[in-house]
Amino acid sequence: MNGNKKKVYIRPEDSLEFVYEIMDKYKEAKSADEAIEKLKKDMRKMIRYFKEEKFEKLQREFGVDP
């Protein structure tokens, strides 16, 4: 990370609220297993985006302001 770049701190409760806000999209799954797999895949993306501080990408892809 570049020394001139400001580090952003995300509170754990904000991360959980973000996930909570997108949960309705998994209701469309045909089974609980399918919903869980989709959620796991999305959570891997979210974790990567949070680590890389790609907040615009989070909003674009998941439609929630972090």
PDB file of N, CA and C in Angstrom:
ATOM      1  N   MET A   1       0.842  -1.188   0.000  1.00  0.00           N
ATOM      2  CA  MET A   1       0.000   0.000   0.000  1.00  0.00           C
ATOM      3  C   MET A   1       0.880   1.241   0.000  1.00  0.00           C
ATOM      4  N   ASN A   2       0.526   2.193  -0.769  1.00  0.00           N
ATOM      5  CA  ASN A   2       1.222   3.458  -0.913  1.00  0.00           C
ATOM      6  C   ASN A   2       1.157   4.248   0.395  1.00  0.00           C
ATOM      7  N   GLY A   3       2.253   4.858   0.788  1.00  0.00           N
ATOM      8  CA  GLY A   3       2.312   5.600   2.038  1.00  0.00           C
ATOM      9  C   GLY A   3       1.433   6.837   2.058  1.00  0.00           C
ATOM     10  N   ASN A   4       1.068   7.368   0.900  1.00  0.00           N
ATOM     11  CA  ASN A   4       0.225   8.564   0.816  1.00  0.00           C
ATOM     12  C   ASN A   4      -1.261   8.247   0.912  1.00  0.00           C
ATOM     13  N   LYS A   5      -1.610   6.998   0.832  1.00  0.00           N
ATOM     14  CA  LYS A   5      -3.018   6.608   0.825  1.00  0.00           C
ATOM     15  C   LYS A   5      -3.531   6.474   2.258  1.00  0.00           C
ATOM     16  N   LYS A   6      -4.683   7.066   2.520  1.00  0.00           N
ATOM     17  CA  LYS A   6      -5.284   7.002   3.846  1.00  0.00           C
ATOM     18  C   LYS A   6      -5.964   5.654   4.045  1.00  0.00           C
ATOM     19  N   LYS A   7      -5.716   5.012   5.168  1.00  0.00           N
ATOM     20  CA  LYS A   7      -6.318   3.724   5.503  1.00  0.00           C
ATOM     21  C   LYS A   7      -7.723   3.959   6.045  1.00  0.00           C
ATOM     22  N   VAL A   8      -8.665   3.144   5.594  1.00  0.00           N
ATOM     23  CA  VAL A   8     -10.055   3.250   6.041  1.00  0.00           C
ATOM     24  C   VAL A   8     -10.320   2.155   7.061  1.00  0.00           C
ATOM     25  N   TYR A   9     -10.963   2.510   8.168  1.00  0.00           N
ATOM     26  CA  TYR A   9     -11.315   1.526   9.188  1.00  0.00           C
ATOM     27  C   TYR A   9     -12.804   1.214   9.069  1.00  0.00           C
ATOM     28  N   ILE A  10     -13.121  -0.063   8.922  1.00  0.00           N
ATOM     29  CA  ILE A  10     -14.513  -0.518   8.855  1.00  0.00           C
ATOM     30  C   ILE A  10     -14.830  -1.227  10.170  1.00  0.00           C
ATOM     31  N   ARG A  11     -15.851  -0.760  10.851  1.00  0.00           N
ATOM     32  CA  ARG A  11     -16.253  -1.411  12.101  1.00  0.00           C
ATOM     33  C   ARG A  11     -16.890  -2.759  11.788  1.00  0.00           C
ATOM     34  N   PRO A  12     -16.658  -3.765  12.626  1.00  0.00           N
ATOM     35  CA  PRO A  12     -17.245  -5.094  12.378  1.00  0.00           C
ATOM     36  C   PRO A  12     -18.764  -5.051  12.210  1.00  0.00           C
ATOM     37  N   GLU A  13     -19.443  -4.239  12.994  1.00  0.00           N
ATOM     38  CA  GLU A  13     -20.907  -4.176  12.888  1.00  0.00           C
ATOM     39  C   GLU A  13     -21.337  -3.610  11.532  1.00  0.00           C
ATOM     40  N   ASP A  14     -20.524  -2.739  10.940  1.00  0.00           N
ATOM     41  CA  ASP A  14     -20.842  -2.217   9.609  1.00  0.00           C
ATOM     42  C   ASP A  14     -20.743  -3.314   8.555  1.00  0.00           C
ATOM     43  N   SER A  15     -19.741  -4.168   8.691  1.00  0.00           N
ATOM     44  CA  SER A  15     -19.587  -5.288   7.758  1.00  0.00           C
ATOM     45  C   SER A  15     -20.784  -6.225   7.840  1.00  0.00           C
ATOM     46  N   LEU A  16     -21.208  -6.531   9.056  1.00  0.00           N
ATOM     47  CA  LEU A  16     -22.360  -7.420   9.232  1.00  0.00           C
ATOM     48  C   LEU A  16     -23.643  -6.781   8.717  1.00  0.00           C
ATOM     49  N   GLU A  17     -23.800  -5.495   8.937  1.00  0.00           N
ATOM     50  CA  GLU A  17     -24.990  -4.801   8.437  1.00  0.00           C
ATOM     51  C   GLU A  17     -25.026  -4.836   6.911  1.00  0.00           C
ATOM     52  N   PHE A  18     -23.871  -4.695   6.279  1.00  0.00           N
ATOM     53  CA  PHE A  18     -23.778  -4.757   4.826  1.00  0.00           C
ATOM     54  C   PHE A  18     -24.278  -6.109   4.328  1.00  0.00           C
ATOM     55  N   VAL A  19     -23.814  -7.198   4.943  1.00  0.00           N
ATOM     56  CA  VAL A  19     -24.244  -8.544   4.551  1.00  0.00           C
ATOM     57  C   VAL A  19     -25.747  -8.701   4.798  1.00  0.00           C
ATOM     58  N   TYR A  20     -26.222  -8.234   5.933  1.00  0.00           N
ATOM     59  CA  TYR A  20     -27.648  -8.329   6.260  1.00  0.00           C
ATOM     60  C   TYR A  20     -28.508  -7.653   5.188  1.00  0.00           C
ATOM     61  N   GLU A  21     -28.057  -6.508   4.691  1.00  0.00           N
ATOM     62  CA  GLU A  21     -28.820  -5.741   3.706  1.00  0.00           C
ATOM     63  C   GLU A  21     -29.004  -6.479   2.381  1.00  0.00           C
ATOM     64  N   ILE A  22     -28.097  -7.384   2.033  1.00  0.00           N
ATOM     65  CA  ILE A  22     -28.209  -8.072   0.739  1.00  0.00           C
ATOM     66  C   ILE A  22     -28.822  -9.470   0.846  1.00  0.00           C
ATOM     67  N   MET A  23     -29.200  -9.899   2.024  1.00  0.00           N
ATOM     68  CA  MET A  23     -29.679 -11.274   2.226  1.00  0.00           C
ATOM     69  C   MET A  23     -30.907 -11.635   1.383  1.00  0.00           C
ATOM     70  N   ASP A  24     -31.774 -10.701   1.095  1.00  0.00           N
ATOM     71  CA  ASP A  24     -32.991 -11.011   0.332  1.00  0.00           C
ATOM     72  C   ASP A  24     -32.701 -11.601  -1.041  1.00  0.00           C
ATOM     73  N   LYS A  25     -31.567 -11.270  -1.611  1.00  0.00           N
ATOM     74  CA  LYS A  25     -31.270 -11.777  -2.955  1.00  0.00           C
ATOM     75  C   LYS A  25     -31.114 -13.301  -2.972  1.00  0.00           C
ATOM     76  N   TYR A  26     -30.854 -13.915  -1.839  1.00  0.00           N
ATOM     77  CA  TYR A  26     -30.662 -15.371  -1.787  1.00  0.00           C
ATOM     78  C   TYR A  26     -31.978 -16.134  -1.658  1.00  0.00           C
ATOM     79  N   LYS A  27     -33.082 -15.425  -1.470  1.00  0.00           N
ATOM     80  CA  LYS A  27     -34.399 -16.067  -1.389  1.00  0.00           C
ATOM     81  C   LYS A  27     -34.799 -16.693  -2.717  1.00  0.00           C
ATOM     82  N   GLU A  28     -34.192 -16.236  -3.801  1.00  0.00           N
ATOM     83  CA  GLU A  28     -34.524 -16.742  -5.134  1.00  0.00           C
ATOM     84  C   GLU A  28     -33.904 -18.112  -5.420  1.00  0.00           C
ATOM     85  N   ALA A  29     -33.038 -18.588  -4.555  1.00  0.00           N
ATOM     86  CA  ALA A  29     -32.376 -19.879  -4.766  1.00  0.00           C
ATOM     87  C   ALA A  29     -33.397 -21.010  -4.697  1.00  0.00           C
ATOM     88  N   LYS A  30     -33.100 -22.094  -5.412  1.00  0.00           N
ATOM     89  CA  LYS A  30     -34.014 -23.246  -5.463  1.00  0.00           C
ATOM     90  C   LYS A  30     -33.938 -24.119  -4.216  1.00  0.00           C
ATOM     91  N   SER A  31     -32.828 -24.011  -3.474  1.00  0.00           N
ATOM     92  CA  SER A  31     -32.671 -24.814  -2.258  1.00  0.00           C
ATOM     93  C   SER A  31     -31.798 -24.049  -1.268  1.00  0.00           C
ATOM     94  N   ALA A  32     -31.816 -24.504  -0.030  1.00  0.00           N
ATOM     95  CA  ALA A  32     -30.971 -23.887   0.994  1.00  0.00           C
ATOM     96  C   ALA A  32     -29.496 -24.051   0.642  1.00  0.00           C
ATOM     97  N   ASP A  33     -29.136 -25.235   0.127  1.00  0.00           N
ATOM     98  CA  ASP A  33     -27.735 -25.468  -0.251  1.00  0.00           C
ATOM     99  C   ASP A  33     -27.282 -24.485  -1.330  1.00  0.00           C
ATOM    100  N   GLU A  34     -28.137 -24.254  -2.318  1.00  0.00           N
ATOM    101  CA  GLU A  34     -27.797 -23.308  -3.386  1.00  0.00           C
ATOM    102  C   GLU A  34     -27.639 -21.897  -2.823  1.00  0.00           C
ATOM    103  N   ALA A  35     -28.533 -21.504  -1.939  1.00  0.00           N
ATOM    104  CA  ALA A  35     -28.459 -20.173  -1.328  1.00  0.00           C
ATOM    105  C   ALA A  35     -27.167 -20.017  -0.533  1.00  0.00           C
ATOM    106  N   ILE A  36     -26.810 -21.051   0.220  1.00  0.00           N
ATOM    107  CA  ILE A  36     -25.581 -21.005   1.022  1.00  0.00           C
ATOM    108  C   ILE A  36     -24.356 -20.880   0.126  1.00  0.00           C
ATOM    109  N   GLU A  37     -24.316 -21.645  -0.956  1.00  0.00           N
ATOM    110  CA  GLU A  37     -23.171 -21.581  -1.874  1.00  0.00           C
ATOM    111  C   GLU A  37     -23.057 -20.201  -2.524  1.00  0.00           C
ATOM    112  N   LYS A  38     -24.197 -19.627  -2.917  1.00  0.00           N
ATOM    113  CA  LYS A  38     -24.176 -18.277  -3.504  1.00  0.00           C
ATOM    114  C   LYS A  38     -23.697 -17.253  -2.478  1.00  0.00           C
ATOM    115  N   LEU A  39     -24.178 -17.383  -1.249  1.00  0.00           N
ATOM    116  CA  LEU A  39     -23.771 -16.468  -0.188  1.00  0.00           C
ATOM    117  C   LEU A  39     -22.274 -16.587   0.085  1.00  0.00           C
ATOM    118  N   LYS A  40     -21.771 -17.811   0.146  1.00  0.00           N
ATOM    119  CA  LYS A  40     -20.337 -18.014   0.388  1.00  0.00           C
ATOM    120  C   LYS A  40     -19.500 -17.380  -0.717  1.00  0.00           C
ATOM    121  N   LYS A  41     -19.923 -17.558  -1.955  1.00  0.00           N
ATOM    122  CA  LYS A  41     -19.200 -16.981  -3.095  1.00  0.00           C
ATOM    123  C   LYS A  41     -19.189 -15.452  -2.996  1.00  0.00           C
ATOM    124  N   ASP A  42     -20.356 -14.872  -2.709  1.00  0.00           N
ATOM    125  CA  ASP A  42     -20.438 -13.418  -2.576  1.00  0.00           C
ATOM    126  C   ASP A  42     -19.623 -12.916  -1.385  1.00  0.00           C
ATOM    127  N   MET A  43     -19.635 -13.651  -0.283  1.00  0.00           N
ATOM    128  CA  MET A  43     -18.875 -13.226   0.895  1.00  0.00           C
ATOM    129  C   MET A  43     -17.376 -13.242   0.616  1.00  0.00           C
ATOM    130  N   ARG A  44     -16.904 -14.213  -0.176  1.00  0.00           N
ATOM    131  CA  ARG A  44     -15.482 -14.212  -0.550  1.00  0.00           C
ATOM    132  C   ARG A  44     -15.146 -12.938  -1.324  1.00  0.00           C
ATOM    133  N   LYS A  45     -16.039 -12.544  -2.242  1.00  0.00           N
ATOM    134  CA  LYS A  45     -15.831 -11.302  -2.996  1.00  0.00           C
ATOM    135  C   LYS A  45     -15.824 -10.100  -2.054  1.00  0.00           C
ATOM    136  N   MET A  46     -16.820 -10.051  -1.151  1.00  0.00           N
ATOM    137  CA  MET A  46     -16.923  -8.924  -0.229  1.00  0.00           C
ATOM    138  C   MET A  46     -15.675  -8.796   0.628  1.00  0.00           C
ATOM    139  N   ILE A  47     -15.186  -9.909   1.140  1.00  0.00           N
ATOM    140  CA  ILE A  47     -13.977  -9.894   1.966  1.00  0.00           C
ATOM    141  C   ILE A  47     -12.811  -9.318   1.170  1.00  0.00           C
ATOM    142  N   ARG A  48     -12.668  -9.781  -0.075  1.00  0.00           N
ATOM    143  CA  ARG A  48     -11.581  -9.283  -0.923  1.00  0.00           C
ATOM    144  C   ARG A  48     -11.742  -7.779  -1.162  1.00  0.00           C
ATOM    145  N   TYR A  49     -12.956  -7.339  -1.488  1.00  0.00           N
ATOM    146  CA  TYR A  49     -13.181  -5.916  -1.746  1.00  0.00           C
ATOM    147  C   TYR A  49     -12.924  -5.079  -0.494  1.00  0.00           C
ATOM    148  N   PHE A  50     -13.353  -5.551   0.676  1.00  0.00           N
ATOM    149  CA  PHE A  50     -13.092  -4.823   1.917  1.00  0.00           C
ATOM    150  C   PHE A  50     -11.588  -4.731   2.167  1.00  0.00           C
ATOM    151  N   LYS A  51     -10.870  -5.843   2.003  1.00  0.00           N
ATOM    152  CA  LYS A  51      -9.416  -5.836   2.229  1.00  0.00           C
ATOM    153  C   LYS A  51      -8.712  -4.881   1.283  1.00  0.00           C
ATOM    154  N   GLU A  52      -9.172  -4.840   0.035  1.00  0.00           N
ATOM    155  CA  GLU A  52      -8.547  -3.985  -0.981  1.00  0.00           C
ATOM    156  C   GLU A  52      -9.137  -2.574  -0.991  1.00  0.00           C
ATOM    157  N   GLU A  53     -10.084  -2.314  -0.074  1.00  0.00           N
ATOM    158  CA  GLU A  53     -10.753  -1.019   0.054  1.00  0.00           C
ATOM    159  C   GLU A  53     -11.403  -0.576  -1.257  1.00  0.00           C
ATOM    160  N   LYS A  54     -12.054  -1.509  -1.921  1.00  0.00           N
ATOM    161  CA  LYS A  54     -12.756  -1.217  -3.178  1.00  0.00           C
ATOM    162  C   LYS A  54     -14.245  -1.007  -2.887  1.00  0.00           C
ATOM    163  N   PHE A  55     -14.536   0.081  -2.193  1.00  0.00           N
ATOM    164  CA  PHE A  55     -15.888   0.326  -1.724  1.00  0.00           C
ATOM    165  C   PHE A  55     -16.858   0.667  -2.857  1.00  0.00           C
ATOM    166  N   GLU A  56     -16.361   1.341  -3.897  1.00  0.00           N
ATOM    167  CA  GLU A  56     -17.228   1.646  -5.040  1.00  0.00           C
ATOM    168  C   GLU A  56     -17.661   0.353  -5.726  1.00  0.00           C
ATOM    169  N   LYS A  57     -16.740  -0.592  -5.806  1.00  0.00           N
ATOM    170  CA  LYS A  57     -17.042  -1.884  -6.425  1.00  0.00           C
ATOM    171  C   LYS A  57     -18.082  -2.641  -5.586  1.00  0.00           C
ATOM    172  N   LEU A  58     -17.968  -2.564  -4.267  1.00  0.00           N
ATOM    173  CA  LEU A  58     -18.958  -3.180  -3.374  1.00  0.00           C
ATOM    174  C   LEU A  58     -20.345  -2.615  -3.653  1.00  0.00           C
ATOM    175  N   GLN A  59     -20.414  -1.295  -3.733  1.00  0.00           N
ATOM    176  CA  GLN A  59     -21.724  -0.685  -3.950  1.00  0.00           C
ATOM    177  C   GLN A  59     -22.280  -1.050  -5.318  1.00  0.00           C
ATOM    178  N   ARG A  60     -21.441  -1.008  -6.341  1.00  0.00           N
ATOM    179  CA  ARG A  60     -21.897  -1.321  -7.698  1.00  0.00           C
ATOM    180  C   ARG A  60     -22.411  -2.750  -7.793  1.00  0.00           C
ATOM    181  N   GLU A  61     -21.661  -3.680  -7.234  1.00  0.00           N
ATOM    182  CA  GLU A  61     -22.011  -5.093  -7.376  1.00  0.00           C
ATOM    183  C   GLU A  61     -23.149  -5.521  -6.455  1.00  0.00           C
ATOM    184  N   PHE A  62     -23.176  -4.991  -5.236  1.00  0.00           N
ATOM    185  CA  PHE A  62     -24.158  -5.454  -4.259  1.00  0.00           C
ATOM    186  C   PHE A  62     -25.230  -4.416  -3.935  1.00  0.00           C
ATOM    187  N   GLY A  63     -25.063  -3.183  -4.400  1.00  0.00           N
ATOM    188  CA  GLY A  63     -26.102  -2.171  -4.284  1.00  0.00           C
ATOM    189  C   GLY A  63     -26.353  -1.625  -2.901  1.00  0.00           C
ATOM    190  N   VAL A  64     -25.366  -1.702  -2.029  1.00  0.00           N
ATOM    191  CA  VAL A  64     -25.518  -1.195  -0.666  1.00  0.00           C
ATOM    192  C   VAL A  64     -24.332  -0.293  -0.368  1.00  0.00           C
ATOM    193  N   ASP A  65     -24.584   0.841   0.275  1.00  0.00           N
ATOM    194  CA  ASP A  65     -23.478   1.717   0.664  1.00  0.00           C
ATOM    195  C   ASP A  65     -22.767   1.133   1.870  1.00  0.00           C
ATOM    196  N   PRO A  66     -21.449   0.900   1.749  1.00  0.00           N
ATOM    197  CA  PRO A  66     -20.702   0.392   2.912  1.00  0.00           C
ATOM    198  C   PRO A  66     -20.493   1.483   3.933  1.00  0.00           C
TER     199      PRO A  66
END
